[in-house]
Amino acid sequence: FADRADAGVKIRMLLGDPDSPEVAQRGTDEGINDGMAAQIKTALVFYR
């Protein structure tokens, strides 16, 4: 991603809002509950 961005490639990422009911519902659907919101926050750390 970093190499492509430096080469002029436009990178757009959409992550679920960790505070949204949609993310909470997806966490419930997958059986990980608050784990979904935690994963999103962790992904942001990796993308820092």
ModelCIF file with pLDDT and N, C-alpha, C, O atoms, coordinates in Angstrom:
data_MODEL
#
_entry.id   MODEL 
#
_entity.id                         1 
_entity.type                       polymer 
_entity.pdbx_number_of_molecules   1 
#
_entity_poly.entity_id                      1 
_entity_poly.type                           'polypeptide(L)' 
_entity_poly.nstd_linkage                   no 
_entity_poly.nstd_monomer                   no 
_entity_poly.pdbx_seq_one_letter_code       FADRADAGVKIRMLLGDPDSPEVAQRGTDEGINDGMAAQIKTALVFYR 
_entity_poly.pdbx_seq_one_letter_code_can   FADRADAGVKIRMLLGDPDSPEVAQRGTDEGINDGMAAQIKTALVFYR 
_entity_poly.pdbx_strand_id                 A 
#
loop_
_entity_poly_seq.entity_id 
_entity_poly_seq.num 
_entity_poly_seq.mon_id 
_entity_poly_seq.hetero 
1 1  PHE n 
1 2  ALA n 
1 3  ASP n 
1 4  ARG n 
1 5  ALA n 
1 6  ASP n 
1 7  ALA n 
1 8  GLY n 
1 9  VAL n 
1 10 LYS n 
1 11 ILE n 
1 12 ARG n 
1 13 MET n 
1 14 LEU n 
1 15 LEU n 
1 16 GLY n 
1 17 ASP n 
1 18 PRO n 
1 19 ASP n 
1 20 SER n 
1 21 PRO n 
1 22 GLU n 
1 23 VAL n 
1 24 ALA n 
1 25 GLN n 
1 26 ARG n 
1 27 GLY n 
1 28 THR n 
1 29 ASP n 
1 30 GLU n 
1 31 GLY n 
1 32 ILE n 
1 33 ASN n 
1 34 ASP n 
1 35 GLY n 
1 36 MET n 
1 37 ALA n 
1 38 ALA n 
1 39 GLN n 
1 40 ILE n 
1 41 LYS n 
1 42 THR n 
1 43 ALA n 
1 44 LEU n 
1 45 VAL n 
1 46 PHE n 
1 47 TYR n 
1 48 ARG n 
#
_struct_asym.id          A 
_struct_asym.entity_id   1 
#
loop_
_ma_qa_metric.id 
_ma_qa_metric.mode 
_ma_qa_metric.name 
_ma_qa_metric.software_group_id 
_ma_qa_metric.type 
1 global pLDDT . pLDDT 
2 local  pLDDT . pLDDT 
#
_ma_qa_metric_global.metric_id      1 
_ma_qa_metric_global.metric_value   95.33 
_ma_qa_metric_global.model_id       1 
_ma_qa_metric_global.ordinal_id     1 
#
loop_
_ma_qa_metric_local.label_asym_id 
_ma_qa_metric_local.label_comp_id 
_ma_qa_metric_local.label_seq_id 
_ma_qa_metric_local.metric_id 
_ma_qa_metric_local.metric_value 
_ma_qa_metric_local.model_id 
_ma_qa_metric_local.ordinal_id 
A PHE 1  2 97.00 1 1  
A ALA 2  2 97.00 1 2  
A ASP 3  2 97.00 1 3  
A ARG 4  2 97.00 1 4  
A ALA 5  2 97.00 1 5  
A ASP 6  2 96.00 1 6  
A ALA 7  2 96.00 1 7  
A GLY 8  2 96.00 1 8  
A VAL 9  2 97.00 1 9  
A LYS 10 2 97.00 1 10 
A ILE 11 2 98.00 1 11 
A ARG 12 2 98.00 1 12 
A MET 13 2 98.00 1 13 
A LEU 14 2 98.00 1 14 
A LEU 15 2 98.00 1 15 
A GLY 16 2 97.00 1 16 
A ASP 17 2 97.00 1 17 
A PRO 18 2 96.00 1 18 
A ASP 19 2 95.00 1 19 
A SER 20 2 96.00 1 20 
A PRO 21 2 96.00 1 21 
A GLU 22 2 96.00 1 22 
A VAL 23 2 96.00 1 23 
A ALA 24 2 95.00 1 24 
A GLN 25 2 94.00 1 25 
A ARG 26 2 93.00 1 26 
A GLY 27 2 93.00 1 27 
A THR 28 2 92.00 1 28 
A ASP 29 2 89.00 1 29 
A GLU 30 2 87.00 1 30 
A GLY 31 2 87.00 1 31 
A ILE 32 2 91.00 1 32 
A ASN 33 2 91.00 1 33 
A ASP 34 2 94.00 1 34 
A GLY 35 2 94.00 1 35 
A MET 36 2 95.00 1 36 
A ALA 37 2 96.00 1 37 
A ALA 38 2 97.00 1 38 
A GLN 39 2 97.00 1 39 
A ILE 40 2 97.00 1 40 
A LYS 41 2 96.00 1 41 
A THR 42 2 97.00 1 42 
A ALA 43 2 97.00 1 43 
A LEU 44 2 96.00 1 44 
A VAL 45 2 96.00 1 45 
A PHE 46 2 96.00 1 46 
A TYR 47 2 96.00 1 47 
A ARG 48 2 94.00 1 48 
#
loop_
_atom_site.group_PDB 
_atom_site.id 
_atom_site.type_symbol 
_atom_site.label_atom_id 
_atom_site.label_alt_id 
_atom_site.label_comp_id 
_atom_site.label_asym_id 
_atom_site.label_entity_id 
_atom_site.label_seq_id 
_atom_site.pdbx_PDB_ins_code 
_atom_site.Cartn_x 
_atom_site.Cartn_y 
_atom_site.Cartn_z 
_atom_site.occupancy 
_atom_site.B_iso_or_equiv 
_atom_site.pdbx_formal_charge 
_atom_site.auth_seq_id 
_atom_site.auth_comp_id 
_atom_site.auth_asym_id 
_atom_site.auth_atom_id 
_atom_site.pdbx_PDB_model_num 
ATOM 1   N N  . PHE A 1 1  ? 0.830   -1.200  0.000  1.00 97.00 ? 1  PHE A N  1 
ATOM 2   C CA . PHE A 1 1  ? 0.000   0.000   0.000  1.00 97.00 ? 1  PHE A CA 1 
ATOM 3   C C  . PHE A 1 1  ? 0.870   1.257   0.000  1.00 97.00 ? 1  PHE A C  1 
ATOM 4   O O  . PHE A 1 1  ? 0.624   2.195   -0.758 1.00 97.00 ? 1  PHE A O  1 
ATOM 5   N N  . ALA A 1 2  ? 1.874   1.262   0.848  1.00 97.00 ? 2  ALA A N  1 
ATOM 6   C CA . ALA A 1 2  ? 2.750   2.433   0.945  1.00 97.00 ? 2  ALA A CA 1 
ATOM 7   C C  . ALA A 1 2  ? 3.488   2.670   -0.371 1.00 97.00 ? 2  ALA A C  1 
ATOM 8   O O  . ALA A 1 2  ? 3.596   3.805   -0.835 1.00 97.00 ? 2  ALA A O  1 
ATOM 9   N N  . ASP A 1 3  ? 3.992   1.595   -0.964 1.00 97.00 ? 3  ASP A N  1 
ATOM 10  C CA . ASP A 1 3  ? 4.705   1.721   -2.245 1.00 97.00 ? 3  ASP A CA 1 
ATOM 11  C C  . ASP A 1 3  ? 3.788   2.233   -3.342 1.00 97.00 ? 3  ASP A C  1 
ATOM 12  O O  . ASP A 1 3  ? 4.163   3.108   -4.123 1.00 97.00 ? 3  ASP A O  1 
ATOM 13  N N  . ARG A 1 4  ? 2.581   1.679   -3.393 1.00 97.00 ? 4  ARG A N  1 
ATOM 14  C CA . ARG A 1 4  ? 1.633   2.099   -4.421 1.00 97.00 ? 4  ARG A CA 1 
ATOM 15  C C  . ARG A 1 4  ? 1.230   3.561   -4.217 1.00 97.00 ? 4  ARG A C  1 
ATOM 16  O O  . ARG A 1 4  ? 1.122   4.319   -5.181 1.00 97.00 ? 4  ARG A O  1 
ATOM 17  N N  . ALA A 1 5  ? 1.008   3.951   -2.968 1.00 97.00 ? 5  ALA A N  1 
ATOM 18  C CA . ALA A 1 5  ? 0.635   5.344   -2.690 1.00 97.00 ? 5  ALA A CA 1 
ATOM 19  C C  . ALA A 1 5  ? 1.749   6.292   -3.127 1.00 97.00 ? 5  ALA A C  1 
ATOM 20  O O  . ALA A 1 5  ? 1.478   7.344   -3.706 1.00 97.00 ? 5  ALA A O  1 
ATOM 21  N N  . ASP A 1 6  ? 3.006   5.922   -2.852 1.00 96.00 ? 6  ASP A N  1 
ATOM 22  C CA . ASP A 1 6  ? 4.144   6.757   -3.253 1.00 96.00 ? 6  ASP A CA 1 
ATOM 23  C C  . ASP A 1 6  ? 4.282   6.817   -4.777 1.00 96.00 ? 6  ASP A C  1 
ATOM 24  O O  . ASP A 1 6  ? 4.868   7.756   -5.317 1.00 96.00 ? 6  ASP A O  1 
ATOM 25  N N  . ALA A 1 7  ? 3.733   5.799   -5.471 1.00 96.00 ? 7  ALA A N  1 
ATOM 26  C CA . ALA A 1 7  ? 3.781   5.775   -6.937 1.00 96.00 ? 7  ALA A CA 1 
ATOM 27  C C  . ALA A 1 7  ? 2.608   6.533   -7.553 1.00 96.00 ? 7  ALA A C  1 
ATOM 28  O O  . ALA A 1 7  ? 2.466   6.579   -8.775 1.00 96.00 ? 7  ALA A O  1 
ATOM 29  N N  . GLY A 1 8  ? 1.768   7.128   -6.702 1.00 96.00 ? 8  GLY A N  1 
ATOM 30  C CA . GLY A 1 8  ? 0.661   7.929   -7.210 1.00 96.00 ? 8  GLY A CA 1 
ATOM 31  C C  . GLY A 1 8  ? -0.676  7.234   -7.235 1.00 96.00 ? 8  GLY A C  1 
ATOM 32  O O  . GLY A 1 8  ? -1.655  7.802   -7.718 1.00 96.00 ? 8  GLY A O  1 
ATOM 33  N N  . VAL A 1 9  ? -0.745  6.005   -6.721 1.00 97.00 ? 9  VAL A N  1 
ATOM 34  C CA . VAL A 1 9  ? -2.020  5.281   -6.682 1.00 97.00 ? 9  VAL A CA 1 
ATOM 35  C C  . VAL A 1 9  ? -2.886  5.836   -5.553 1.00 97.00 ? 9  VAL A C  1 
ATOM 36  O O  . VAL A 1 9  ? -2.417  5.994   -4.426 1.00 97.00 ? 9  VAL A O  1 
ATOM 37  N N  . LYS A 1 10 ? -4.134  6.128   -5.855 1.00 97.00 ? 10 LYS A N  1 
ATOM 38  C CA . LYS A 1 10 ? -5.069  6.646   -4.857 1.00 97.00 ? 10 LYS A CA 1 
ATOM 39  C C  . LYS A 1 10 ? -5.641  5.481   -4.054 1.00 97.00 ? 10 LYS A C  1 
ATOM 40  O O  . LYS A 1 10 ? -6.209  4.548   -4.622 1.00 97.00 ? 10 LYS A O  1 
ATOM 41  N N  . ILE A 1 11 ? -5.491  5.539   -2.735 1.00 98.00 ? 11 ILE A N  1 
ATOM 42  C CA . ILE A 1 11 ? -5.959  4.461   -1.869 1.00 98.00 ? 11 ILE A CA 1 
ATOM 43  C C  . ILE A 1 11 ? -7.074  4.980   -0.972 1.00 98.00 ? 11 ILE A C  1 
ATOM 44  O O  . ILE A 1 11 ? -6.892  5.931   -0.213 1.00 98.00 ? 11 ILE A O  1 
ATOM 45  N N  . ARG A 1 12 ? -8.235  4.332   -1.077 1.00 98.00 ? 12 ARG A N  1 
ATOM 46  C CA . ARG A 1 12 ? -9.377  4.683   -0.243 1.00 98.00 ? 12 ARG A CA 1 
ATOM 47  C C  . ARG A 1 12 ? -9.764  3.471   0.601  1.00 98.00 ? 12 ARG A C  1 
ATOM 48  O O  . ARG A 1 12 ? -10.030 2.395   0.065  1.00 98.00 ? 12 ARG A O  1 
ATOM 49  N N  . MET A 1 13 ? -9.795  3.648   1.915  1.00 98.00 ? 13 MET A N  1 
ATOM 50  C CA . MET A 1 13 ? -10.177 2.562   2.812  1.00 98.00 ? 13 MET A CA 1 
ATOM 51  C C  . MET A 1 13 ? -11.416 2.964   3.596  1.00 98.00 ? 13 MET A C  1 
ATOM 52  O O  . MET A 1 13 ? -11.497 4.069   4.131  1.00 98.00 ? 13 MET A O  1 
ATOM 53  N N  . LEU A 1 14 ? -12.369 2.059   3.656  1.00 98.00 ? 14 LEU A N  1 
ATOM 54  C CA . LEU A 1 14 ? -13.574 2.255   4.447  1.00 98.00 ? 14 LEU A CA 1 
ATOM 55  C C  . LEU A 1 14 ? -13.610 1.195   5.541  1.00 98.00 ? 14 LEU A C  1 
ATOM 56  O O  . LEU A 1 14 ? -13.697 0.000   5.260  1.00 98.00 ? 14 LEU A O  1 
ATOM 57  N N  . LEU A 1 15 ? -13.541 1.645   6.791  1.00 98.00 ? 15 LEU A N  1 
ATOM 58  C CA . LEU A 1 15 ? -13.669 0.763   7.945  1.00 98.00 ? 15 LEU A CA 1 
ATOM 59  C C  . LEU A 1 15 ? -14.978 1.072   8.654  1.00 98.00 ? 15 LEU A C  1 
ATOM 60  O O  . LEU A 1 15 ? -15.467 2.200   8.605  1.00 98.00 ? 15 LEU A O  1 
ATOM 61  N N  . GLY A 1 16 ? -15.542 0.070   9.309  1.00 97.00 ? 16 GLY A N  1 
ATOM 62  C CA . GLY A 1 16 ? -16.757 0.304   10.064 1.00 97.00 ? 16 GLY A CA 1 
ATOM 63  C C  . GLY A 1 16 ? -16.505 1.238   11.236 1.00 97.00 ? 16 GLY A C  1 
ATOM 64  O O  . GLY A 1 16 ? -15.461 1.158   11.884 1.00 97.00 ? 16 GLY A O  1 
ATOM 65  N N  . ASP A 1 17 ? -17.451 2.117   11.508 1.00 97.00 ? 17 ASP A N  1 
ATOM 66  C CA . ASP A 1 17 ? -17.346 3.013   12.664 1.00 97.00 ? 17 ASP A CA 1 
ATOM 67  C C  . ASP A 1 17 ? -17.480 2.157   13.921 1.00 97.00 ? 17 ASP A C  1 
ATOM 68  O O  . ASP A 1 17 ? -18.536 1.568   14.148 1.00 97.00 ? 17 ASP A O  1 
ATOM 69  N N  . PRO A 1 18 ? -16.424 2.075   14.748 1.00 96.00 ? 18 PRO A N  1 
ATOM 70  C CA . PRO A 1 18 ? -16.487 1.181   15.912 1.00 96.00 ? 18 PRO A CA 1 
ATOM 71  C C  . PRO A 1 18 ? -17.579 1.538   16.910 1.00 96.00 ? 18 PRO A C  1 
ATOM 72  O O  . PRO A 1 18 ? -17.958 0.705   17.734 1.00 96.00 ? 18 PRO A O  1 
ATOM 73  N N  . ASP A 1 19 ? -18.092 2.773   16.848 1.00 95.00 ? 19 ASP A N  1 
ATOM 74  C CA . ASP A 1 19 ? -19.152 3.194   17.773 1.00 95.00 ? 19 ASP A CA 1 
ATOM 75  C C  . ASP A 1 19 ? -20.547 3.056   17.178 1.00 95.00 ? 19 ASP A C  1 
ATOM 76  O O  . ASP A 1 19 ? -21.530 3.468   17.794 1.00 95.00 ? 19 ASP A O  1 
ATOM 77  N N  . SER A 1 20 ? -20.639 2.478   15.976 1.00 96.00 ? 20 SER A N  1 
ATOM 78  C CA . SER A 1 20 ? -21.931 2.406   15.287 1.00 96.00 ? 20 SER A CA 1 
ATOM 79  C C  . SER A 1 20 ? -22.711 1.149   15.667 1.00 96.00 ? 20 SER A C  1 
ATOM 80  O O  . SER A 1 20 ? -22.121 0.129   16.024 1.00 96.00 ? 20 SER A O  1 
ATOM 81  N N  . PRO A 1 21 ? -24.036 1.229   15.588 1.00 96.00 ? 21 PRO A N  1 
ATOM 82  C CA . PRO A 1 21 ? -24.849 0.031   15.841 1.00 96.00 ? 21 PRO A CA 1 
ATOM 83  C C  . PRO A 1 21 ? -24.646 -1.045  14.782 1.00 96.00 ? 21 PRO A C  1 
ATOM 84  O O  . PRO A 1 21 ? -24.845 -2.228  15.056 1.00 96.00 ? 21 PRO A O  1 
ATOM 85  N N  . GLU A 1 22 ? -24.248 -0.643  13.570 1.00 96.00 ? 22 GLU A N  1 
ATOM 86  C CA . GLU A 1 22 ? -24.020 -1.624  12.505 1.00 96.00 ? 22 GLU A CA 1 
ATOM 87  C C  . GLU A 1 22 ? -22.830 -2.521  12.844 1.00 96.00 ? 22 GLU A C  1 
ATOM 88  O O  . GLU A 1 22 ? -22.871 -3.730  12.617 1.00 96.00 ? 22 GLU A O  1 
ATOM 89  N N  . VAL A 1 23 ? -21.781 -1.925  13.383 1.00 96.00 ? 23 VAL A N  1 
ATOM 90  C CA . VAL A 1 23 ? -20.614 -2.718  13.791 1.00 96.00 ? 23 VAL A CA 1 
ATOM 91  C C  . VAL A 1 23 ? -20.969 -3.608  14.975 1.00 96.00 ? 23 VAL A C  1 
ATOM 92  O O  . VAL A 1 23 ? -20.562 -4.769  15.032 1.00 96.00 ? 23 VAL A O  1 
ATOM 93  N N  . ALA A 1 24 ? -21.726 -3.064  15.913 1.00 95.00 ? 24 ALA A N  1 
ATOM 94  C CA . ALA A 1 24 ? -22.140 -3.862  17.067 1.00 95.00 ? 24 ALA A CA 1 
ATOM 95  C C  . ALA A 1 24 ? -22.957 -5.065  16.626 1.00 95.00 ? 24 ALA A C  1 
ATOM 96  O O  . ALA A 1 24 ? -22.785 -6.165  17.151 1.00 95.00 ? 24 ALA A O  1 
ATOM 97  N N  . GLN A 1 25 ? -23.854 -4.856  15.656 1.00 94.00 ? 25 GLN A N  1 
ATOM 98  C CA . GLN A 1 25 ? -24.691 -5.947  15.172 1.00 94.00 ? 25 GLN A CA 1 
ATOM 99  C C  . GLN A 1 25 ? -23.865 -6.993  14.447 1.00 94.00 ? 25 GLN A C  1 
ATOM 100 O O  . GLN A 1 25 ? -24.105 -8.190  14.602 1.00 94.00 ? 25 GLN A O  1 
ATOM 101 N N  . ARG A 1 26 ? -22.878 -6.549  13.645 1.00 93.00 ? 26 ARG A N  1 
ATOM 102 C CA . ARG A 1 26 ? -22.022 -7.506  12.949 1.00 93.00 ? 26 ARG A CA 1 
ATOM 103 C C  . ARG A 1 26 ? -21.212 -8.325  13.948 1.00 93.00 ? 26 ARG A C  1 
ATOM 104 O O  . ARG A 1 26 ? -21.006 -9.522  13.749 1.00 93.00 ? 26 ARG A O  1 
ATOM 105 N N  . GLY A 1 27 ? -20.754 -7.686  15.020 1.00 93.00 ? 27 GLY A N  1 
ATOM 106 C CA . GLY A 1 27 ? -20.039 -8.418  16.056 1.00 93.00 ? 27 GLY A CA 1 
ATOM 107 C C  . GLY A 1 27 ? -20.911 -9.487  16.685 1.00 93.00 ? 27 GLY A C  1 
ATOM 108 O O  . GLY A 1 27 ? -20.454 -10.595 16.967 1.00 93.00 ? 27 GLY A O  1 
ATOM 109 N N  . THR A 1 28 ? -22.175 -9.142  16.903 1.00 92.00 ? 28 THR A N  1 
ATOM 110 C CA . THR A 1 28 ? -23.124 -10.114 17.448 1.00 92.00 ? 28 THR A CA 1 
ATOM 111 C C  . THR A 1 28 ? -23.372 -11.248 16.461 1.00 92.00 ? 28 THR A C  1 
ATOM 112 O O  . THR A 1 28 ? -23.411 -12.417 16.845 1.00 92.00 ? 28 THR A O  1 
ATOM 113 N N  . ASP A 1 29 ? -23.539 -10.894 15.178 1.00 89.00 ? 29 ASP A N  1 
ATOM 114 C CA . ASP A 1 29 ? -23.800 -11.901 14.145 1.00 89.00 ? 29 ASP A CA 1 
ATOM 115 C C  . ASP A 1 29 ? -22.659 -12.903 14.031 1.00 89.00 ? 29 ASP A C  1 
ATOM 116 O O  . ASP A 1 29 ? -22.889 -14.088 13.791 1.00 89.00 ? 29 ASP A O  1 
ATOM 117 N N  . GLU A 1 30 ? -21.428 -12.424 14.204 1.00 87.00 ? 30 GLU A N  1 
ATOM 118 C CA . GLU A 1 30 ? -20.273 -13.313 14.093 1.00 87.00 ? 30 GLU A CA 1 
ATOM 119 C C  . GLU A 1 30 ? -19.937 -14.001 15.408 1.00 87.00 ? 30 GLU A C  1 
ATOM 120 O O  . GLU A 1 30 ? -19.066 -14.869 15.468 1.00 87.00 ? 30 GLU A O  1 
ATOM 121 N N  . GLY A 1 31 ? -20.644 -13.598 16.461 1.00 87.00 ? 31 GLY A N  1 
ATOM 122 C CA . GLY A 1 31 ? -20.408 -14.230 17.750 1.00 87.00 ? 31 GLY A CA 1 
ATOM 123 C C  . GLY A 1 31 ? -19.201 -13.697 18.500 1.00 87.00 ? 31 GLY A C  1 
ATOM 124 O O  . GLY A 1 31 ? -18.715 -14.343 19.429 1.00 87.00 ? 31 GLY A O  1 
ATOM 125 N N  . ILE A 1 32 ? -18.698 -12.493 18.098 1.00 91.00 ? 32 ILE A N  1 
ATOM 126 C CA . ILE A 1 32 ? -17.537 -11.930 18.795 1.00 91.00 ? 32 ILE A CA 1 
ATOM 127 C C  . ILE A 1 32 ? -17.898 -10.651 19.536 1.00 91.00 ? 32 ILE A C  1 
ATOM 128 O O  . ILE A 1 32 ? -17.044 -10.052 20.191 1.00 91.00 ? 32 ILE A O  1 
ATOM 129 N N  . ASN A 1 33 ? -19.149 -10.227 19.441 1.00 91.00 ? 33 ASN A N  1 
ATOM 130 C CA . ASN A 1 33 ? -19.657 -9.081  20.190 1.00 91.00 ? 33 ASN A CA 1 
ATOM 131 C C  . ASN A 1 33 ? -18.747 -7.854  20.062 1.00 91.00 ? 33 ASN A C  1 
ATOM 132 O O  . ASN A 1 33 ? -18.532 -7.367  18.952 1.00 91.00 ? 33 ASN A O  1 
ATOM 133 N N  . ASP A 1 34 ? -18.209 -7.349  21.177 1.00 94.00 ? 34 ASP A N  1 
ATOM 134 C CA . ASP A 1 34 ? -17.382 -6.139  21.131 1.00 94.00 ? 34 ASP A CA 1 
ATOM 135 C C  . ASP A 1 34 ? -16.056 -6.361  20.414 1.00 94.00 ? 34 ASP A C  1 
ATOM 136 O O  . ASP A 1 34 ? -15.310 -5.414  20.164 1.00 94.00 ? 34 ASP A O  1 
ATOM 137 N N  . GLY A 1 35 ? -15.768 -7.618  20.084 1.00 94.00 ? 35 GLY A N  1 
ATOM 138 C CA . GLY A 1 35 ? -14.513 -7.915  19.400 1.00 94.00 ? 35 GLY A CA 1 
ATOM 139 C C  . GLY A 1 35 ? -14.407 -7.252  18.042 1.00 94.00 ? 35 GLY A C  1 
ATOM 140 O O  . GLY A 1 35 ? -13.302 -6.949  17.591 1.00 94.00 ? 35 GLY A O  1 
ATOM 141 N N  . MET A 1 36 ? -15.551 -7.015  17.366 1.00 95.00 ? 36 MET A N  1 
ATOM 142 C CA . MET A 1 36 ? -15.509 -6.377  16.049 1.00 95.00 ? 36 MET A CA 1 
ATOM 143 C C  . MET A 1 36 ? -15.008 -4.949  16.160 1.00 95.00 ? 36 MET A C  1 
ATOM 144 O O  . MET A 1 36 ? -14.140 -4.535  15.393 1.00 95.00 ? 36 MET A O  1 
ATOM 145 N N  . ALA A 1 37 ? -15.550 -4.186  17.114 1.00 96.00 ? 37 ALA A N  1 
ATOM 146 C CA . ALA A 1 37 ? -15.096 -2.810  17.312 1.00 96.00 ? 37 ALA A CA 1 
ATOM 147 C C  . ALA A 1 37 ? -13.621 -2.789  17.705 1.00 96.00 ? 37 ALA A C  1 
ATOM 148 O O  . ALA A 1 37 ? -12.873 -1.913  17.271 1.00 96.00 ? 37 ALA A O  1 
ATOM 149 N N  . ALA A 1 38 ? -13.205 -3.748  18.522 1.00 97.00 ? 38 ALA A N  1 
ATOM 150 C CA . ALA A 1 38 ? -11.806 -3.817  18.946 1.00 97.00 ? 38 ALA A CA 1 
ATOM 151 C C  . ALA A 1 38 ? -10.892 -4.092  17.748 1.00 97.00 ? 38 ALA A C  1 
ATOM 152 O O  . ALA A 1 38 ? -9.796  -3.539  17.664 1.00 97.00 ? 38 ALA A O  1 
ATOM 153 N N  . GLN A 1 39 ? -11.344 -4.951  16.819 1.00 97.00 ? 39 GLN A N  1 
ATOM 154 C CA . GLN A 1 39 ? -10.544 -5.248  15.627 1.00 97.00 ? 39 GLN A CA 1 
ATOM 155 C C  . GLN A 1 39 ? -10.352 -4.001  14.772 1.00 97.00 ? 39 GLN A C  1 
ATOM 156 O O  . GLN A 1 39 ? -9.270  -3.776  14.229 1.00 97.00 ? 39 GLN A O  1 
ATOM 157 N N  . ILE A 1 40 ? -11.396 -3.196  14.653 1.00 97.00 ? 40 ILE A N  1 
ATOM 158 C CA . ILE A 1 40 ? -11.304 -1.976  13.847 1.00 97.00 ? 40 ILE A CA 1 
ATOM 159 C C  . ILE A 1 40 ? -10.276 -1.019  14.444 1.00 97.00 ? 40 ILE A C  1 
ATOM 160 O O  . ILE A 1 40 ? -9.458  -0.446  13.725 1.00 97.00 ? 40 ILE A O  1 
ATOM 161 N N  . LYS A 1 41 ? -10.325 -0.854  15.759 1.00 96.00 ? 41 LYS A N  1 
ATOM 162 C CA . LYS A 1 41 ? -9.367  0.028   16.420 1.00 96.00 ? 41 LYS A CA 1 
ATOM 163 C C  . LYS A 1 41 ? -7.942  -0.503  16.278 1.00 96.00 ? 41 LYS A C  1 
ATOM 164 O O  . LYS A 1 41 ? -6.992  0.268   16.145 1.00 96.00 ? 41 LYS A O  1 
ATOM 165 N N  . THR A 1 42 ? -7.805  -1.839  16.309 1.00 97.00 ? 42 THR A N  1 
ATOM 166 C CA . THR A 1 42 ? -6.489  -2.447  16.129 1.00 97.00 ? 42 THR A CA 1 
ATOM 167 C C  . THR A 1 42 ? -5.988  -2.230  14.701 1.00 97.00 ? 42 THR A C  1 
ATOM 168 O O  . THR A 1 42 ? -4.806  -1.955  14.490 1.00 97.00 ? 42 THR A O  1 
ATOM 169 N N  . ALA A 1 43 ? -6.892  -2.352  13.716 1.00 97.00 ? 43 ALA A N  1 
ATOM 170 C CA . ALA A 1 43 ? -6.512  -2.131  12.316 1.00 97.00 ? 43 ALA A CA 1 
ATOM 171 C C  . ALA A 1 43 ? -5.972  -0.715  12.132 1.00 97.00 ? 43 ALA A C  1 
ATOM 172 O O  . ALA A 1 43 ? -5.000  -0.516  11.404 1.00 97.00 ? 43 ALA A O  1 
ATOM 173 N N  . LEU A 1 44 ? -6.592  0.270   12.784 1.00 96.00 ? 44 LEU A N  1 
ATOM 174 C CA . LEU A 1 44 ? -6.119  1.652   12.674 1.00 96.00 ? 44 LEU A CA 1 
ATOM 175 C C  . LEU A 1 44 ? -4.708  1.808   13.226 1.00 96.00 ? 44 LEU A C  1 
ATOM 176 O O  . LEU A 1 44 ? -3.917  2.601   12.715 1.00 96.00 ? 44 LEU A O  1 
ATOM 177 N N  . VAL A 1 45 ? -4.404  1.055   14.257 1.00 96.00 ? 45 VAL A N  1 
ATOM 178 C CA . VAL A 1 45 ? -3.054  1.098   14.805 1.00 96.00 ? 45 VAL A CA 1 
ATOM 179 C C  . VAL A 1 45 ? -2.045  0.593   13.770 1.00 96.00 ? 45 VAL A C  1 
ATOM 180 O O  . VAL A 1 45 ? -0.988  1.193   13.576 1.00 96.00 ? 45 VAL A O  1 
ATOM 181 N N  . PHE A 1 46 ? -2.387  -0.522  13.105 1.00 96.00 ? 46 PHE A N  1 
ATOM 182 C CA . PHE A 1 46 ? -1.494  -1.071  12.083 1.00 96.00 ? 46 PHE A CA 1 
ATOM 183 C C  . PHE A 1 46 ? -1.344  -0.126  10.893 1.00 96.00 ? 46 PHE A C  1 
ATOM 184 O O  . PHE A 1 46 ? -0.318  -0.142  10.213 1.00 96.00 ? 46 PHE A O  1 
ATOM 185 N N  . TYR A 1 47 ? -2.364  0.699   10.639 1.00 96.00 ? 47 TYR A N  1 
ATOM 186 C CA . TYR A 1 47 ? -2.323  1.624   9.507  1.00 96.00 ? 47 TYR A CA 1 
ATOM 187 C C  . TYR A 1 47 ? -1.736  2.985   9.875  1.00 96.00 ? 47 TYR A C  1 
ATOM 188 O O  . TYR A 1 47 ? -1.734  3.899   9.049  1.00 96.00 ? 47 TYR A O  1 
ATOM 189 N N  . ARG A 1 48 ? -1.241  3.130   11.096 1.00 94.00 ? 48 ARG A N  1 
ATOM 190 C CA . ARG A 1 48 ? -0.778  4.440   11.563 1.00 94.00 ? 48 ARG A CA 1 
ATOM 191 C C  . ARG A 1 48 ? 0.281   5.040   10.641 1.00 94.00 ? 48 ARG A C  1 
ATOM 192 O O  . ARG A 1 48 ? 0.771   6.139   10.897 1.00 94.00 ? 48 ARG A O  1 
#
